[in-house]
Structures are given as structure tokens and as C-alpha cells.
C-alpha atoms as a PDB file:
ATOM      1  CA  MET A   1       0.070  -0.011   0.013  1.00  0.00           C
ATOM      2  CA  ASN A   2       1.362   3.344  -0.904  1.00  0.00           C
ATOM      3  CA  ARG A   3       0.851   6.563   1.148  1.00  0.00           C
ATOM      4  CA  LEU A   4      -1.850   7.959  -1.148  1.00  0.00           C
ATOM      5  CA  GLN A   5      -3.923   4.606  -0.886  1.00  0.00           C
ATOM      6  CA  HIS A   6      -3.416   4.693   2.990  1.00  0.00           C
ATOM      7  CA  PHE A   7      -4.593   8.288   3.114  1.00  0.00           C
ATOM      8  CA  LEU A   8      -7.809   7.665   1.201  1.00  0.00           C
ATOM      9  CA  ARG A   9      -8.708   4.418   3.338  1.00  0.00           C
ATOM     10  CA  ALA A  10      -7.743   5.925   6.734  1.00  0.00           C
ATOM     11  CA  LYS A  11     -10.045   7.118   9.243  1.00  0.00           C
ATOM     12  CA  THR A  12      -9.800   9.960  11.766  1.00  0.00           C
ATOM     13  CA  MET A  13     -10.563   9.737  15.437  1.00  0.00           C
ATOM     14  CA  TYR A  14     -14.338  10.166  14.488  1.00  0.00           C
ATOM     15  CA  GLY A  15     -14.323   6.839  12.599  1.00  0.00           C
ATOM     16  CA  ILE A  16     -13.158   4.724  15.554  1.00  0.00           C
ATOM     17  CA  HIS A  17     -15.821   2.602  16.977  1.00  0.00           C
ATOM     18  CA  SER A  18     -13.784   0.868  19.721  1.00  0.00           C
ATOM     19  CA  PRO A  19     -13.768   2.833  23.001  1.00  0.00           C
ATOM     20  CA  PHE A  20     -10.308   1.322  23.901  1.00  0.00           C
ATOM     21  CA  VAL A  21      -8.811   2.370  20.548  1.00  0.00           C
ATOM     22  CA  TYR A  22     -10.588   5.729  20.643  1.00  0.00           C
ATOM     23  CA  HIS A  23      -8.917   6.553  24.054  1.00  0.00           C
ATOM     24  CA  LEU A  24      -5.630   5.096  23.070  1.00  0.00           C
ATOM     25  CA  TYR A  25      -5.819   7.464  20.101  1.00  0.00           C
ATOM     26  CA  THR A  26      -6.971  10.597  21.741  1.00  0.00           C
ATOM     27  CA  GLU A  27      -5.443  10.349  25.172  1.00  0.00           C
ATOM     28  CA  ALA A  28      -2.186   8.527  24.619  1.00  0.00           C
ATOM     29  CA  LEU A  29      -0.928   8.806  20.963  1.00  0.00           C
ATOM     30  CA  PHE A  30      -2.130  12.349  19.842  1.00  0.00           C
ATOM     31  CA  SER A  31      -2.473  14.195  23.124  1.00  0.00           C
ATOM     32  CA  HIS A  32      -0.641  17.455  23.434  1.00  0.00           C
ATOM     33  CA  ALA A  33       2.285  16.452  25.762  1.00  0.00           C
ATOM     34  CA  SER A  34       5.532  18.452  25.829  1.00  0.00           C
ATOM     35  CA  GLY A  35       8.800  16.622  25.313  1.00  0.00           C
ATOM     36  CA  VAL A  36       7.804  14.206  22.690  1.00  0.00           C
ATOM     37  CA  PRO A  37      10.728  12.942  20.641  1.00  0.00           C
ATOM     38  CA  ARG A  38      10.939  13.565  16.852  1.00  0.00           C
ATOM     39  CA  GLY A  39       9.693  10.810  14.588  1.00  0.00           C
ATOM     40  CA  ARG A  40       6.386   9.101  14.579  1.00  0.00           C
ATOM     41  CA  PHE A  41       7.755   5.766  15.795  1.00  0.00           C
ATOM     42  CA  GLU A  42       9.832   7.229  18.573  1.00  0.00           C
ATOM     43  CA  GLY A  43       6.995   9.547  19.529  1.00  0.00           C
ATOM     44  CA  ALA A  44       4.429   6.782  19.669  1.00  0.00           C
ATOM     45  CA  VAL A  45       6.747   4.645  21.905  1.00  0.00           C
ATOM     46  CA  TRP A  46       7.430   7.555  24.112  1.00  0.00           C
ATOM     47  CA  ARG A  47       3.722   8.388  24.455  1.00  0.00           C
ATOM     48  CA  LEU A  48       2.806   4.717  25.364  1.00  0.00           C
ATOM     49  CA  GLU A  49       5.785   4.521  27.898  1.00  0.00           C
ATOM     50  CA  HIS A  50       4.582   7.818  29.587  1.00  0.00           C
ATOM     51  CA  ARG A  51       0.744   6.863  29.382  1.00  0.00           C
ATOM     52  CA  TYR A  52       1.305   3.467  31.041  1.00  0.00           C
ATOM     53  CA  GLY A  53       4.302   4.119  33.194  1.00  0.00           C
ATOM     54  CA  VAL A  54       6.479   1.220  31.789  1.00  0.00           C
ATOM     55  CA  LYS A  55       9.676   1.159  29.670  1.00  0.00           C
ATOM     56  CA  ALA A  56       9.549  -0.312  26.251  1.00  0.00           C
ATOM     57  CA  SER A  57      11.792  -3.261  25.156  1.00  0.00           C
ATOM     58  CA  ARG A  58      13.447  -2.201  21.963  1.00  0.00           C
ATOM     59  CA  SER A  59      15.124  -3.899  19.071  1.00  0.00           C
ATOM     60  CA  GLU A  60      15.645  -2.924  15.352  1.00  0.00           C
ATOM     61  CA  GLY A  61      12.448  -1.145  14.126  1.00  0.00           C
ATOM     62  CA  GLU A  62      10.084  -2.455  16.914  1.00  0.00           C
ATOM     63  CA  ALA A  63       9.327  -1.912  20.544  1.00  0.00           C
ATOM     64  CA  THR A  64       7.319  -3.853  23.044  1.00  0.00           C
ATOM     65  CA  LEU A  65       5.338  -2.757  26.235  1.00  0.00           C
ATOM     66  CA  SER A  66       3.409  -4.824  28.867  1.00  0.00           C
ATOM     67  CA  CYS A  67       1.033  -3.158  31.231  1.00  0.00           C
ATOM     68  CA  ASN A  68      -2.327  -3.707  33.028  1.00  0.00           C
ATOM     69  CA  ASP A  69      -4.200  -2.854  29.589  1.00  0.00           C
ATOM     70  CA  GLY A  70      -2.290  -5.794  27.808  1.00  0.00           C
ATOM     71  CA  SER A  71       0.721  -5.902  25.646  1.00  0.00           C
ATOM     72  CA  PHE A  72       1.692  -3.453  22.857  1.00  0.00           C
ATOM     73  CA  LEU A  73       3.885  -4.058  19.721  1.00  0.00           C
ATOM     74  CA  VAL A  74       4.966  -0.942  17.914  1.00  0.00           C
ATOM     75  CA  LEU A  75       6.611  -1.410  14.501  1.00  0.00           C
ATOM     76  CA  ASP A  76       8.596   1.307  12.751  1.00  0.00           C
ATOM     77  CA  HIS A  77       7.372   1.673   9.013  1.00  0.00           C
ATOM     78  CA  PRO A  78       5.375  -1.584   8.912  1.00  0.00           C
ATOM     79  CA  HIS A  79       4.801  -1.353   5.132  1.00  0.00           C
ATOM     80  CA  ARG A  80       8.459  -1.589   4.288  1.00  0.00           C
ATOM     81  CA  CYS A  81       8.183  -5.352   5.094  1.00  0.00           C
ATOM     82  CA  GLU A  82       4.463  -5.903   4.068  1.00  0.00           C
ATOM     83  CA  SER A  83       4.618  -9.690   4.774  1.00  0.00           C
ATOM     84  CA  ARG A  84       5.749  -8.984   8.477  1.00  0.00           C
ATOM     85  CA  TRP A  85       2.942  -6.506   9.007  1.00  0.00           C
ATOM     86  CA  GLN A  86       0.309  -8.784   7.435  1.00  0.00           C
ATOM     87  CA  ALA A  87       1.577 -11.638   9.643  1.00  0.00           C
ATOM     88  CA  VAL A  88       1.069  -9.341  12.776  1.00  0.00           C
ATOM     89  CA  VAL A  89      -2.448  -8.297  11.618  1.00  0.00           C
ATOM     90  CA  ALA A  90      -3.611 -11.852  10.894  1.00  0.00           C
ATOM     91  CA  ASP A  91      -2.070 -13.307  14.171  1.00  0.00           C
ATOM     92  CA  PRO A  92      -5.052 -14.116  16.669  1.00  0.00           C
ATOM     93  CA  GLN A  93      -2.705 -13.014  19.619  1.00  0.00           C
ATOM     94  CA  TRP A  94      -3.009  -9.367  18.489  1.00  0.00           C
ATOM     95  CA  LYS A  95      -6.604  -8.266  19.034  1.00  0.00           C
ATOM     96  CA  ALA A  96      -6.514  -4.711  17.705  1.00  0.00           C
ATOM     97  CA  THR A  97      -4.034  -3.470  15.060  1.00  0.00           C
ATOM     98  CA  LEU A  98      -3.674   0.176  14.196  1.00  0.00           C
ATOM     99  CA  ASP A  99      -1.943   1.132  10.873  1.00  0.00           C
ATOM    100  CA  PHE A 100      -0.738   4.756  10.773  1.00  0.00           C
ATOM    101  CA  PHE A 101       1.418   4.058   7.736  1.00  0.00           C
ATOM    102  CA  ASP A 102       4.609   5.458   9.255  1.00  0.00           C
ATOM    103  CA  PHE A 103       4.285   3.156  12.338  1.00  0.00           C
ATOM    104  CA  GLY A 104       1.950   0.344  13.381  1.00  0.00           C
ATOM    105  CA  ILE A 105       0.625  -0.766  16.799  1.00  0.00           C
ATOM    106  CA  ALA A 106      -0.696  -4.243  17.746  1.00  0.00           C
ATOM    107  CA  VAL A 107      -2.602  -4.489  21.090  1.00  0.00           C
ATOM    108  CA  ASP A 108      -2.934  -7.807  22.989  1.00  0.00           C
ATOM    109  CA  ASN A 109      -6.013  -7.177  25.384  1.00  0.00           C
ATOM    110  CA  PRO A 110      -8.321 -10.087  26.173  1.00  0.00           C
ATOM    111  CA  HIS A 111     -11.258  -7.693  26.477  1.00  0.00           C
ATOM    112  CA  LEU A 112     -10.987  -6.678  22.792  1.00  0.00           C
ATOM    113  CA  SER A 113     -12.431  -8.449  19.763  1.00  0.00           C
ATOM    114  CA  LYS A 114     -10.202  -8.852  16.632  1.00  0.00           C
ATOM    115  CA  GLN A 115     -10.108  -5.548  14.643  1.00  0.00           C
ATOM    116  CA  HIS A 116      -7.769  -3.787  12.244  1.00  0.00           C
ATOM    117  CA  PHE A 117      -7.996   0.101  11.940  1.00  0.00           C
ATOM    118  CA  ILE A 118      -6.330   2.238   9.255  1.00  0.00           C
ATOM    119  CA  LEU A 119      -5.871   5.614  10.890  1.00  0.00           C
ATOM    120  CA  ARG A 120      -4.366   9.001  10.096  1.00  0.00           C
END
């Protein structure tokens, strides 16, 4: 998928029907916090760390976090390796996947049903 296709398919916060994902989007990922690192991937990891009070375990192009709300996998540029991203989206372990084109987030939370979101 290229950036234009992603943009045309992507929803804003008003198209999110999951309360958990809506709060994650509005309160954690895109809140107006100061001190956020540059880069969408680094910023997303930083925001999740500060929202849930845990440190992420990082490796090349990905970060994982575990907290009371479940586990998070954050991938940098998931469409560079489309097969890896599609495997994460299809994996039943990850209940919600959020595709922001520049980064992707997979959430393992037992209270969620399997859903995939393409977001701006």
C-alpha cells in the first residue's frame, strides 16, 4: 500500500468505533504532551511509555510494552516489510492493530475483539 492509498482509506478519530482504541488514539498517541521525541515511531513509543508508566523493550524497528491494559507491539514503517505487518495483523494474539502508515501498533488485550484500523 502506498501513502496515497493509505490516506484515502484511513479514518480519523471520528471513525473509531472501539472505546479502547479511541482513548488510546486521543489520550495517549495524539495528546498535546511536551517533550515528545521527533519521529512518529519514537514519539508513539514515548507516549505509550508515559501513558502506562512502563519502559519499552526495543529492538531494530520495533518496541514492545506490557502493562495492565495488555501488551503493545510498535513497528516502525510496517509497510517496508509488508509480509511481516500482514502476519502481525492476521495473528490471533493481537486483538487490535492500528496502521498509521509510518508506524503500526498491535494490542493484545483479552477484552477486545479482533479488529484492524487504518488511521491518520
